[in-house]
């Protein structure tokens, strides 16, 4: 495994400064934003696509700091019912794919997206229950008329440009948000589709990340290290479907936290061990979204926490077996 960081919180630094900072902390790889919600603060995407010198510059910075790129991220809603919004996100994702190809990166990270409920919709419609029957009809239309056709086309585009893995975050608000929906899209489109497994999004839904990792064996393409603190008292009153603002730290049912501040070290050791047992030995990419800590404190605490938990070497021969 490799210890990594999604560099979005470090956009106040240049890419060179960010790489030097992270390398000094023992980070081995980075995940770079190339558009969509993460933005592209460390990548001039058009320049990377067109300029060999820019590609060489970035590769040189990585080599200088003994780092690699684990993935290129471009999260968005490419199937948004507003056609202009959808096209913007789609264009950004396609350019992110081209940039990844130029940099020799075979993994792109994104969201599945969420359509509306019909061709005339203006806003996305995330369906969370199967009754009344209207919702089942919406789901059928979203998946069979929009989502699956889109990702089949995008998968073909990615394969043309040497992308081996499309890693989708399982995130509420989008059609792929849990284990079953991830496997459904993978079965419909192909093995190029997989999860960018972020336990923080599962914990607040009441899922067990270890069991989800087992179920997704072979289908995890990338991993985000982010934690969630669930407040049992607030959940007891309002449940886990919380639409309150993230800044309401005491009133929300759950909040994103730096790793180790939502679930304990034992839980993270179990996740890392299960990842290895199911064959995943890729990047563990820290995503800092902790409102109680500065960027540097949150990242540095996460890095220190994970250093003692990750397994870096290959497993030994079982001489005792």
C-alpha atoms as a PDB file:
ATOM      1  CA  UNK A   1       0.000   0.000   0.000  1.00  0.00           C
ATOM      2  CA  UNK A   2       1.021   3.618  -0.460  1.00  0.00           C
ATOM      3  CA  UNK A   3       0.189   6.566   1.771  1.00  0.00           C
ATOM      4  CA  UNK A   4      -1.387   9.315  -0.318  1.00  0.00           C
ATOM      5  CA  UNK A   5      -3.136  12.670  -0.115  1.00  0.00           C
ATOM      6  CA  UNK A   6      -5.784  14.374  -2.236  1.00  0.00           C
ATOM      7  CA  UNK A   7      -4.093  17.759  -2.657  1.00  0.00           C
ATOM      8  CA  UNK A   8      -7.235  19.933  -2.949  1.00  0.00           C
ATOM      9  CA  UNK A   9      -6.870  21.433   0.570  1.00  0.00           C
ATOM     10  CA  UNK A  10      -3.357  22.585  -0.367  1.00  0.00           C
ATOM     11  CA  UNK A  11      -4.373  24.807  -3.291  1.00  0.00           C
ATOM     12  CA  UNK A  12      -2.881  27.813  -1.484  1.00  0.00           C
ATOM     13  CA  UNK A  13       0.473  26.207  -2.269  1.00  0.00           C
ATOM     14  CA  UNK A  14       1.909  25.591  -5.717  1.00  0.00           C
ATOM     15  CA  UNK A  15       2.158  21.977  -6.832  1.00  0.00           C
ATOM     16  CA  UNK A  16       5.889  22.101  -6.216  1.00  0.00           C
ATOM     17  CA  UNK A  17       5.382  23.447  -2.685  1.00  0.00           C
ATOM     18  CA  UNK A  18       2.647  20.898  -1.936  1.00  0.00           C
ATOM     19  CA  UNK A  19       4.772  17.983  -3.108  1.00  0.00           C
ATOM     20  CA  UNK A  20       7.760  19.125  -1.065  1.00  0.00           C
ATOM     21  CA  UNK A  21       5.572  19.559   2.020  1.00  0.00           C
ATOM     22  CA  UNK A  22       3.905  16.153   1.686  1.00  0.00           C
ATOM     23  CA  UNK A  23       7.106  14.345   0.790  1.00  0.00           C
ATOM     24  CA  UNK A  24       8.679  15.709   3.937  1.00  0.00           C
ATOM     25  CA  UNK A  25       5.866  14.112   5.936  1.00  0.00           C
ATOM     26  CA  UNK A  26       6.414  10.691   4.363  1.00  0.00           C
ATOM     27  CA  UNK A  27       3.589  10.777   1.811  1.00  0.00           C
ATOM     28  CA  UNK A  28       4.271   8.533  -1.174  1.00  0.00           C
ATOM     29  CA  UNK A  29       1.633   9.516  -3.737  1.00  0.00           C
ATOM     30  CA  UNK A  30      -0.867  12.244  -4.532  1.00  0.00           C
ATOM     31  CA  UNK A  31      -4.330  12.433  -6.032  1.00  0.00           C
ATOM     32  CA  UNK A  32      -4.735  15.539  -8.198  1.00  0.00           C
ATOM     33  CA  UNK A  33      -7.953  17.387  -8.973  1.00  0.00           C
ATOM     34  CA  UNK A  34      -8.597  18.079 -12.644  1.00  0.00           C
ATOM     35  CA  UNK A  35     -11.992  19.796 -12.588  1.00  0.00           C
ATOM     36  CA  UNK A  36     -15.514  19.397 -11.272  1.00  0.00           C
ATOM     37  CA  UNK A  37     -16.058  19.854  -7.551  1.00  0.00           C
ATOM     38  CA  UNK A  38     -12.342  19.364  -6.645  1.00  0.00           C
ATOM     39  CA  UNK A  39     -11.264  22.080  -9.068  1.00  0.00           C
ATOM     40  CA  UNK A  40      -7.859  21.980 -10.731  1.00  0.00           C
ATOM     41  CA  UNK A  41      -5.644  24.139  -8.536  1.00  0.00           C
ATOM     42  CA  UNK A  42      -2.571  21.964  -9.102  1.00  0.00           C
ATOM     43  CA  UNK A  43      -3.188  21.108 -12.746  1.00  0.00           C
ATOM     44  CA  UNK A  44      -3.377  23.337 -15.806  1.00  0.00           C
ATOM     45  CA  UNK A  45      -5.411  20.740 -17.666  1.00  0.00           C
ATOM     46  CA  UNK A  46      -5.412  22.344 -21.151  1.00  0.00           C
ATOM     47  CA  UNK A  47      -1.658  22.896 -20.895  1.00  0.00           C
ATOM     48  CA  UNK A  48      -1.033  19.312 -19.815  1.00  0.00           C
ATOM     49  CA  UNK A  49      -3.068  18.067 -22.779  1.00  0.00           C
ATOM     50  CA  UNK A  50      -1.223  20.209 -25.318  1.00  0.00           C
ATOM     51  CA  UNK A  51       2.249  20.898 -23.928  1.00  0.00           C
ATOM     52  CA  UNK A  52       4.918  18.203 -23.584  1.00  0.00           C
ATOM     53  CA  UNK A  53       6.973  20.599 -21.494  1.00  0.00           C
ATOM     54  CA  UNK A  54       4.258  20.843 -18.838  1.00  0.00           C
ATOM     55  CA  UNK A  55       3.980  17.073 -18.672  1.00  0.00           C
ATOM     56  CA  UNK A  56       7.750  16.815 -18.248  1.00  0.00           C
ATOM     57  CA  UNK A  57       7.689  19.513 -15.554  1.00  0.00           C
ATOM     58  CA  UNK A  58       5.098  17.655 -13.464  1.00  0.00           C
ATOM     59  CA  UNK A  59       6.854  14.321 -13.885  1.00  0.00           C
ATOM     60  CA  UNK A  60      10.083  15.970 -12.845  1.00  0.00           C
ATOM     61  CA  UNK A  61       8.518  17.380  -9.672  1.00  0.00           C
ATOM     62  CA  UNK A  62       7.137  13.969  -8.801  1.00  0.00           C
ATOM     63  CA  UNK A  63      10.485  12.262  -9.361  1.00  0.00           C
ATOM     64  CA  UNK A  64      12.300  14.929  -7.341  1.00  0.00           C
ATOM     65  CA  UNK A  65      10.013  14.248  -4.391  1.00  0.00           C
ATOM     66  CA  UNK A  66       9.896  10.442  -4.801  1.00  0.00           C
ATOM     67  CA  UNK A  67       6.171  10.511  -5.479  1.00  0.00           C
ATOM     68  CA  UNK A  68       3.648   9.138  -7.948  1.00  0.00           C
ATOM     69  CA  UNK A  69       0.079  10.082  -8.884  1.00  0.00           C
ATOM     70  CA  UNK A  70      -2.479   7.575  -7.603  1.00  0.00           C
ATOM     71  CA  UNK A  71      -5.439   9.032  -9.506  1.00  0.00           C
ATOM     72  CA  UNK A  72      -6.811  12.067 -11.302  1.00  0.00           C
ATOM     73  CA  UNK A  73     -10.060  13.299  -9.766  1.00  0.00           C
ATOM     74  CA  UNK A  74     -12.894  15.083 -11.523  1.00  0.00           C
ATOM     75  CA  UNK A  75     -16.091  14.765  -9.496  1.00  0.00           C
ATOM     76  CA  UNK A  76     -19.289  16.109 -11.017  1.00  0.00           C
ATOM     77  CA  UNK A  77     -22.803  15.309 -12.165  1.00  0.00           C
ATOM     78  CA  UNK A  78     -22.338  14.421 -15.800  1.00  0.00           C
ATOM     79  CA  UNK A  79     -25.976  13.269 -16.063  1.00  0.00           C
ATOM     80  CA  UNK A  80     -27.465  16.410 -14.528  1.00  0.00           C
ATOM     81  CA  UNK A  81     -30.914  17.140 -16.024  1.00  0.00           C
ATOM     82  CA  UNK A  82     -29.766  20.645 -16.954  1.00  0.00           C
ATOM     83  CA  UNK A  83     -28.033  19.886 -20.251  1.00  0.00           C
ATOM     84  CA  UNK A  84     -25.586  22.781 -19.967  1.00  0.00           C
ATOM     85  CA  UNK A  85     -24.477  21.705 -16.505  1.00  0.00           C
ATOM     86  CA  UNK A  86     -24.197  18.087 -17.615  1.00  0.00           C
ATOM     87  CA  UNK A  87     -22.108  19.048 -20.656  1.00  0.00           C
ATOM     88  CA  UNK A  88     -19.779  21.161 -18.543  1.00  0.00           C
ATOM     89  CA  UNK A  89     -19.072  18.283 -16.154  1.00  0.00           C
ATOM     90  CA  UNK A  90     -18.774  15.826 -19.040  1.00  0.00           C
ATOM     91  CA  UNK A  91     -16.299  18.056 -20.862  1.00  0.00           C
ATOM     92  CA  UNK A  92     -14.231  18.425 -17.697  1.00  0.00           C
ATOM     93  CA  UNK A  93     -14.189  14.670 -17.122  1.00  0.00           C
ATOM     94  CA  UNK A  94     -13.147  13.982 -20.708  1.00  0.00           C
ATOM     95  CA  UNK A  95     -10.323  16.488 -20.402  1.00  0.00           C
ATOM     96  CA  UNK A  96      -9.310  14.933 -17.072  1.00  0.00           C
ATOM     97  CA  UNK A  97      -9.058  11.600 -18.866  1.00  0.00           C
ATOM     98  CA  UNK A  98      -6.825  13.149 -21.525  1.00  0.00           C
ATOM     99  CA  UNK A  99      -4.635  14.715 -18.834  1.00  0.00           C
ATOM    100  CA  UNK A 100      -4.393  11.396 -16.999  1.00  0.00           C
ATOM    101  CA  UNK A 101      -3.335   9.677 -20.207  1.00  0.00           C
ATOM    102  CA  UNK A 102      -0.627  12.271 -20.803  1.00  0.00           C
ATOM    103  CA  UNK A 103       0.693  11.814 -17.260  1.00  0.00           C
ATOM    104  CA  UNK A 104       0.606   8.014 -17.457  1.00  0.00           C
ATOM    105  CA  UNK A 105      -2.122   7.664 -14.806  1.00  0.00           C
ATOM    106  CA  UNK A 106      -4.588   4.811 -15.318  1.00  0.00           C
ATOM    107  CA  UNK A 107      -7.229   5.740 -12.700  1.00  0.00           C
ATOM    108  CA  UNK A 108      -9.799   8.545 -12.687  1.00  0.00           C
ATOM    109  CA  UNK A 109     -12.084   9.284  -9.732  1.00  0.00           C
ATOM    110  CA  UNK A 110     -15.577  10.729 -10.021  1.00  0.00           C
ATOM    111  CA  UNK A 111     -19.224  10.461  -8.962  1.00  0.00           C
ATOM    112  CA  UNK A 112     -21.850   8.423 -10.779  1.00  0.00           C
ATOM    113  CA  UNK A 113     -24.097  11.465 -11.059  1.00  0.00           C
ATOM    114  CA  UNK A 114     -27.841  11.706 -10.585  1.00  0.00           C
ATOM    115  CA  UNK A 115     -30.399  12.546 -13.293  1.00  0.00           C
ATOM    116  CA  UNK A 116     -33.824  14.085 -12.796  1.00  0.00           C
ATOM    117  CA  UNK A 117     -36.994  12.011 -12.966  1.00  0.00           C
ATOM    118  CA  UNK A 118     -37.805  12.603 -16.663  1.00  0.00           C
ATOM    119  CA  UNK A 119     -36.526  14.372 -19.774  1.00  0.00           C
ATOM    120  CA  UNK A 120     -38.090  17.663 -18.663  1.00  0.00           C
ATOM    121  CA  UNK A 121     -36.545  17.768 -15.188  1.00  0.00           C
ATOM    122  CA  UNK A 122     -34.543  20.771 -14.068  1.00  0.00           C
ATOM    123  CA  UNK A 123     -32.878  19.359 -10.946  1.00  0.00           C
ATOM    124  CA  UNK A 124     -31.548  15.934  -9.880  1.00  0.00           C
ATOM    125  CA  UNK A 125     -33.903  13.551  -8.094  1.00  0.00           C
ATOM    126  CA  UNK A 126     -32.168  11.171  -5.683  1.00  0.00           C
ATOM    127  CA  UNK A 127     -34.522   8.275  -4.926  1.00  0.00           C
ATOM    128  CA  UNK A 128     -34.141   6.781  -1.441  1.00  0.00           C
ATOM    129  CA  UNK A 129     -37.154   4.455  -1.178  1.00  0.00           C
ATOM    130  CA  UNK A 130     -39.044   1.998  -3.357  1.00  0.00           C
ATOM    131  CA  UNK A 131     -42.612   3.016  -2.506  1.00  0.00           C
ATOM    132  CA  UNK A 132     -44.905   4.584  -3.626  1.00  0.00           C
ATOM    133  CA  UNK A 133     -44.507   2.982  -7.036  1.00  0.00           C
ATOM    134  CA  UNK A 134     -43.591   6.313  -8.644  1.00  0.00           C
ATOM    135  CA  UNK A 135     -40.088   5.985  -7.206  1.00  0.00           C
ATOM    136  CA  UNK A 136     -39.506   2.594  -8.789  1.00  0.00           C
ATOM    137  CA  UNK A 137     -40.484   4.093 -12.148  1.00  0.00           C
ATOM    138  CA  UNK A 138     -38.060   6.971 -11.630  1.00  0.00           C
ATOM    139  CA  UNK A 139     -35.240   4.570 -10.766  1.00  0.00           C
ATOM    140  CA  UNK A 140     -35.917   2.456 -13.837  1.00  0.00           C
ATOM    141  CA  UNK A 141     -35.766   5.536 -16.071  1.00  0.00           C
ATOM    142  CA  UNK A 142     -32.655   6.939 -14.396  1.00  0.00           C
ATOM    143  CA  UNK A 143     -30.671   3.736 -14.648  1.00  0.00           C
ATOM    144  CA  UNK A 144     -31.769   2.280 -17.959  1.00  0.00           C
ATOM    145  CA  UNK A 145     -32.282   5.441 -19.977  1.00  0.00           C
ATOM    146  CA  UNK A 146     -29.567   7.708 -18.576  1.00  0.00           C
ATOM    147  CA  UNK A 147     -26.990   6.314 -16.153  1.00  0.00           C
ATOM    148  CA  UNK A 148     -26.020   3.002 -17.776  1.00  0.00           C
ATOM    149  CA  UNK A 149     -25.908   4.409 -21.336  1.00  0.00           C
ATOM    150  CA  UNK A 150     -23.773   7.346 -20.180  1.00  0.00           C
ATOM    151  CA  UNK A 151     -21.210   5.228 -18.361  1.00  0.00           C
ATOM    152  CA  UNK A 152     -21.010   2.700 -21.200  1.00  0.00           C
ATOM    153  CA  UNK A 153     -20.063   5.534 -23.528  1.00  0.00           C
ATOM    154  CA  UNK A 154     -17.648   7.061 -21.004  1.00  0.00           C
ATOM    155  CA  UNK A 155     -16.053   3.684 -20.297  1.00  0.00           C
ATOM    156  CA  UNK A 156     -15.338   3.246 -24.003  1.00  0.00           C
ATOM    157  CA  UNK A 157     -13.823   6.741 -24.137  1.00  0.00           C
ATOM    158  CA  UNK A 158     -11.643   5.986 -21.125  1.00  0.00           C
ATOM    159  CA  UNK A 159     -10.423   2.712 -22.591  1.00  0.00           C
ATOM    160  CA  UNK A 160      -9.490   4.502 -25.825  1.00  0.00           C
ATOM    161  CA  UNK A 161      -7.240   6.726 -23.716  1.00  0.00           C
ATOM    162  CA  UNK A 162      -5.597   3.986 -21.635  1.00  0.00           C
ATOM    163  CA  UNK A 163      -7.650   4.463 -18.484  1.00  0.00           C
ATOM    164  CA  UNK A 164      -8.028   1.083 -16.800  1.00  0.00           C
ATOM    165  CA  UNK A 165     -10.090   2.134 -13.773  1.00  0.00           C
ATOM    166  CA  UNK A 166     -13.018   4.495 -13.282  1.00  0.00           C
ATOM    167  CA  UNK A 167     -13.362   4.822  -9.512  1.00  0.00           C
ATOM    168  CA  UNK A 168     -16.732   6.165  -8.386  1.00  0.00           C
ATOM    169  CA  UNK A 169     -17.265   7.465  -4.873  1.00  0.00           C
ATOM    170  CA  UNK A 170     -20.211   5.878  -3.124  1.00  0.00           C
ATOM    171  CA  UNK A 171     -21.920   9.113  -2.088  1.00  0.00           C
ATOM    172  CA  UNK A 172     -25.539   9.822  -1.105  1.00  0.00           C
ATOM    173  CA  UNK A 173     -27.201  12.235  -3.488  1.00  0.00           C
ATOM    174  CA  UNK A 174     -25.946  10.252  -6.479  1.00  0.00           C
ATOM    175  CA  UNK A 175     -27.246   7.022  -8.004  1.00  0.00           C
ATOM    176  CA  UNK A 176     -24.212   5.032  -6.847  1.00  0.00           C
ATOM    177  CA  UNK A 177     -24.149   5.510  -3.082  1.00  0.00           C
ATOM    178  CA  UNK A 178     -23.859   2.031  -1.531  1.00  0.00           C
ATOM    179  CA  UNK A 179     -22.491  -1.426  -2.252  1.00  0.00           C
ATOM    180  CA  UNK A 180     -25.489  -2.710  -4.209  1.00  0.00           C
ATOM    181  CA  UNK A 181     -25.706   0.316  -6.508  1.00  0.00           C
ATOM    182  CA  UNK A 182     -21.952   0.166  -7.187  1.00  0.00           C
ATOM    183  CA  UNK A 183     -22.126  -3.489  -8.151  1.00  0.00           C
ATOM    184  CA  UNK A 184     -25.211  -2.873 -10.275  1.00  0.00           C
ATOM    185  CA  UNK A 185     -23.409  -0.289 -12.417  1.00  0.00           C
ATOM    186  CA  UNK A 186     -20.272  -2.431 -12.612  1.00  0.00           C
ATOM    187  CA  UNK A 187     -22.285  -5.412 -13.817  1.00  0.00           C
ATOM    188  CA  UNK A 188     -24.037  -3.289 -16.455  1.00  0.00           C
ATOM    189  CA  UNK A 189     -20.951  -1.478 -17.775  1.00  0.00           C
ATOM    190  CA  UNK A 190     -17.965  -3.715 -17.037  1.00  0.00           C
ATOM    191  CA  UNK A 191     -15.001  -4.182 -14.722  1.00  0.00           C
ATOM    192  CA  UNK A 192     -13.534  -0.796 -15.630  1.00  0.00           C
ATOM    193  CA  UNK A 193     -16.138   0.550 -13.206  1.00  0.00           C
ATOM    194  CA  UNK A 194     -15.239   0.261  -9.546  1.00  0.00           C
ATOM    195  CA  UNK A 195     -15.374   2.062  -6.241  1.00  0.00           C
ATOM    196  CA  UNK A 196     -13.372   4.923  -4.873  1.00  0.00           C
ATOM    197  CA  UNK A 197     -14.031   3.504  -1.429  1.00  0.00           C
ATOM    198  CA  UNK A 198     -14.565   6.293   1.107  1.00  0.00           C
ATOM    199  CA  UNK A 199     -15.615   4.844   4.472  1.00  0.00           C
ATOM    200  CA  UNK A 200     -16.816   8.222   5.726  1.00  0.00           C
ATOM    201  CA  UNK A 201     -19.774   8.122   3.334  1.00  0.00           C
ATOM    202  CA  UNK A 202     -20.728   4.646   4.480  1.00  0.00           C
ATOM    203  CA  UNK A 203     -20.349   5.145   8.218  1.00  0.00           C
ATOM    204  CA  UNK A 204     -23.026   7.819   8.412  1.00  0.00           C
ATOM    205  CA  UNK A 205     -25.409   5.661   6.403  1.00  0.00           C
ATOM    206  CA  UNK A 206     -25.082   2.968   9.080  1.00  0.00           C
ATOM    207  CA  UNK A 207     -22.979   0.643   6.931  1.00  0.00           C
ATOM    208  CA  UNK A 208     -20.025  -1.420   8.121  1.00  0.00           C
ATOM    209  CA  UNK A 209     -17.005  -0.534   5.935  1.00  0.00           C
ATOM    210  CA  UNK A 210     -15.295  -3.881   6.563  1.00  0.00           C
ATOM    211  CA  UNK A 211     -18.298  -5.870   5.341  1.00  0.00           C
ATOM    212  CA  UNK A 212     -18.690  -3.537   2.350  1.00  0.00           C
ATOM    213  CA  UNK A 213     -15.023  -4.041   1.437  1.00  0.00           C
ATOM    214  CA  UNK A 214     -15.559  -7.812   1.490  1.00  0.00           C
ATOM    215  CA  UNK A 215     -18.605  -7.519  -0.762  1.00  0.00           C
ATOM    216  CA  UNK A 216     -16.684  -5.275  -3.173  1.00  0.00           C
ATOM    217  CA  UNK A 217     -13.717  -7.644  -3.448  1.00  0.00           C
ATOM    218  CA  UNK A 218     -12.018  -6.974  -6.785  1.00  0.00           C
ATOM    219  CA  UNK A 219     -14.157  -3.897  -7.404  1.00  0.00           C
ATOM    220  CA  UNK A 220     -12.260  -1.328  -5.328  1.00  0.00           C
ATOM    221  CA  UNK A 221     -10.140   0.838  -7.632  1.00  0.00           C
ATOM    222  CA  UNK A 222      -9.048   3.554  -5.184  1.00  0.00           C
ATOM    223  CA  UNK A 223      -9.461   4.428  -1.505  1.00  0.00           C
ATOM    224  CA  UNK A 224     -10.134   7.679   0.353  1.00  0.00           C
ATOM    225  CA  UNK A 225      -9.054   7.906   3.985  1.00  0.00           C
ATOM    226  CA  UNK A 226     -11.688  10.074   5.635  1.00  0.00           C
ATOM    227  CA  UNK A 227     -13.636   9.525   8.825  1.00  0.00           C
ATOM    228  CA  UNK A 228     -17.098  10.362  10.154  1.00  0.00           C
ATOM    229  CA  UNK A 229     -18.182  11.019  13.701  1.00  0.00           C
ATOM    230  CA  UNK A 230     -21.769   9.894  14.268  1.00  0.00           C
ATOM    231  CA  UNK A 231     -23.555  11.615  17.158  1.00  0.00           C
ATOM    232  CA  UNK A 232     -25.760   8.932  18.777  1.00  0.00           C
ATOM    233  CA  UNK A 233     -27.944  11.470  20.595  1.00  0.00           C
ATOM    234  CA  UNK A 234     -28.779  13.427  17.440  1.00  0.00           C
ATOM    235  CA  UNK A 235     -29.291  10.230  15.441  1.00  0.00           C
ATOM    236  CA  UNK A 236     -31.694   8.996  18.118  1.00  0.00           C
ATOM    237  CA  UNK A 237     -33.823  12.088  17.543  1.00  0.00           C
ATOM    238  CA  UNK A 238     -33.472  12.756  13.803  1.00  0.00           C
ATOM    239  CA  UNK A 239     -31.883   9.693  12.161  1.00  0.00           C
ATOM    240  CA  UNK A 240     -28.930   9.786   9.785  1.00  0.00           C
ATOM    241  CA  UNK A 241     -30.537  11.665   6.884  1.00  0.00           C
ATOM    242  CA  UNK A 242     -29.265  15.086   7.905  1.00  0.00           C
ATOM    243  CA  UNK A 243     -29.745  18.163   5.701  1.00  0.00           C
ATOM    244  CA  UNK A 244     -28.353  20.614   8.254  1.00  0.00           C
ATOM    245  CA  UNK A 245     -25.333  22.707   7.320  1.00  0.00           C
ATOM    246  CA  UNK A 246     -21.930  21.131   7.878  1.00  0.00           C
ATOM    247  CA  UNK A 247     -21.036  24.027  10.180  1.00  0.00           C
ATOM    248  CA  UNK A 248     -23.613  22.919  12.774  1.00  0.00           C
ATOM    249  CA  UNK A 249     -21.042  20.729  14.500  1.00  0.00           C
ATOM    250  CA  UNK A 250     -23.088  20.098  17.647  1.00  0.00           C
ATOM    251  CA  UNK A 251     -26.512  19.798  16.038  1.00  0.00           C
ATOM    252  CA  UNK A 252     -25.820  17.464  13.126  1.00  0.00           C
ATOM    253  CA  UNK A 253     -26.315  13.716  13.257  1.00  0.00           C
ATOM    254  CA  UNK A 254     -22.847  13.226  11.779  1.00  0.00           C
ATOM    255  CA  UNK A 255     -19.784  15.229  10.775  1.00  0.00           C
ATOM    256  CA  UNK A 256     -16.732  14.455   8.642  1.00  0.00           C
ATOM    257  CA  UNK A 257     -13.564  14.077  10.719  1.00  0.00           C
ATOM    258  CA  UNK A 258      -9.878  13.407  10.281  1.00  0.00           C
ATOM    259  CA  UNK A 259      -9.125   9.671  10.442  1.00  0.00           C
ATOM    260  CA  UNK A 260      -9.134   8.435  14.002  1.00  0.00           C
ATOM    261  CA  UNK A 261     -11.508  11.133  15.224  1.00  0.00           C
ATOM    262  CA  UNK A 262     -14.684   9.389  14.112  1.00  0.00           C
ATOM    263  CA  UNK A 263     -13.800   5.725  14.475  1.00  0.00           C
ATOM    264  CA  UNK A 264     -10.909   4.310  16.459  1.00  0.00           C
ATOM    265  CA  UNK A 265      -7.609   2.775  15.388  1.00  0.00           C
ATOM    266  CA  UNK A 266      -9.016  -0.762  15.662  1.00  0.00           C
ATOM    267  CA  UNK A 267     -11.691   0.056  13.070  1.00  0.00           C
ATOM    268  CA  UNK A 268      -9.082   1.467  10.683  1.00  0.00           C
ATOM    269  CA  UNK A 269      -6.755  -1.496  11.202  1.00  0.00           C
ATOM    270  CA  UNK A 270      -9.663  -3.795  10.350  1.00  0.00           C
ATOM    271  CA  UNK A 271     -10.393  -1.824   7.171  1.00  0.00           C
ATOM    272  CA  UNK A 272      -6.765  -1.842   6.026  1.00  0.00           C
ATOM    273  CA  UNK A 273      -6.406  -5.555   6.818  1.00  0.00           C
ATOM    274  CA  UNK A 274      -9.601  -6.371   4.914  1.00  0.00           C
ATOM    275  CA  UNK A 275      -8.431  -4.332   1.939  1.00  0.00           C
ATOM    276  CA  UNK A 276      -5.278  -6.435   1.783  1.00  0.00           C
ATOM    277  CA  UNK A 277      -7.187  -9.695   2.314  1.00  0.00           C
ATOM    278  CA  UNK A 278      -9.422  -8.850  -0.649  1.00  0.00           C
ATOM    279  CA  UNK A 279      -6.495  -7.966  -2.902  1.00  0.00           C
ATOM    280  CA  UNK A 280      -6.338  -4.171  -2.719  1.00  0.00           C
ATOM    281  CA  UNK A 281      -2.806  -2.869  -2.218  1.00  0.00           C
ATOM    282  CA  UNK A 282      -3.115   0.559  -3.834  1.00  0.00           C
ATOM    283  CA  UNK A 283      -3.184   4.116  -2.533  1.00  0.00           C
ATOM    284  CA  UNK A 284      -4.754   5.122   0.757  1.00  0.00           C
ATOM    285  CA  UNK A 285      -5.487   8.723  -0.194  1.00  0.00           C
ATOM    286  CA  UNK A 286      -6.262  11.116   2.674  1.00  0.00           C
ATOM    287  CA  UNK A 287      -9.149  13.501   2.002  1.00  0.00           C
ATOM    288  CA  UNK A 288      -9.223  16.316   4.560  1.00  0.00           C
ATOM    289  CA  UNK A 289     -12.722  17.678   5.265  1.00  0.00           C
ATOM    290  CA  UNK A 290     -12.590  18.214   9.029  1.00  0.00           C
ATOM    291  CA  UNK A 291     -14.208  21.524  10.042  1.00  0.00           C
ATOM    292  CA  UNK A 292     -12.583  21.406  13.477  1.00  0.00           C
ATOM    293  CA  UNK A 293      -8.988  21.400  12.234  1.00  0.00           C
ATOM    294  CA  UNK A 294      -6.810  23.484   9.979  1.00  0.00           C
ATOM    295  CA  UNK A 295      -5.650  21.875   6.754  1.00  0.00           C
ATOM    296  CA  UNK A 296      -2.117  21.297   8.032  1.00  0.00           C
ATOM    297  CA  UNK A 297      -3.200  19.941  11.408  1.00  0.00           C
ATOM    298  CA  UNK A 298      -5.817  17.666   9.876  1.00  0.00           C
ATOM    299  CA  UNK A 299      -3.459  16.304   7.232  1.00  0.00           C
ATOM    300  CA  UNK A 300      -0.547  15.866   9.593  1.00  0.00           C
ATOM    301  CA  UNK A 301      -2.638  14.060  12.199  1.00  0.00           C
ATOM    302  CA  UNK A 302      -4.073  11.781   9.504  1.00  0.00           C
ATOM    303  CA  UNK A 303      -0.635  11.050   8.068  1.00  0.00           C
ATOM    304  CA  UNK A 304       0.805  10.234  11.490  1.00  0.00           C
ATOM    305  CA  UNK A 305      -2.215   8.059  12.338  1.00  0.00           C
ATOM    306  CA  UNK A 306      -2.070   6.044   9.117  1.00  0.00           C
ATOM    307  CA  UNK A 307       1.699   5.572   9.060  1.00  0.00           C
ATOM    308  CA  UNK A 308       1.417   3.036  11.861  1.00  0.00           C
ATOM    309  CA  UNK A 309      -1.601   1.283  10.364  1.00  0.00           C
ATOM    310  CA  UNK A 310      -0.804   0.796   6.677  1.00  0.00           C
ATOM    311  CA  UNK A 311       0.953  -2.327   5.431  1.00  0.00           C
ATOM    312  CA  UNK A 312       3.734  -1.342   3.062  1.00  0.00           C
ATOM    313  CA  UNK A 313       5.609  -4.586   2.415  1.00  0.00           C
ATOM    314  CA  UNK A 314       4.360  -7.657   0.643  1.00  0.00           C
ATOM    315  CA  UNK A 315       3.031 -10.355   2.937  1.00  0.00           C
ATOM    316  CA  UNK A 316       5.542 -12.979   4.016  1.00  0.00           C
ATOM    317  CA  UNK A 317       5.405 -16.658   3.118  1.00  0.00           C
ATOM    318  CA  UNK A 318       3.290 -18.646   5.550  1.00  0.00           C
ATOM    319  CA  UNK A 319       6.101 -20.840   6.841  1.00  0.00           C
ATOM    320  CA  UNK A 320       3.862 -21.894   9.736  1.00  0.00           C
ATOM    321  CA  UNK A 321       1.049 -23.154   7.524  1.00  0.00           C
END
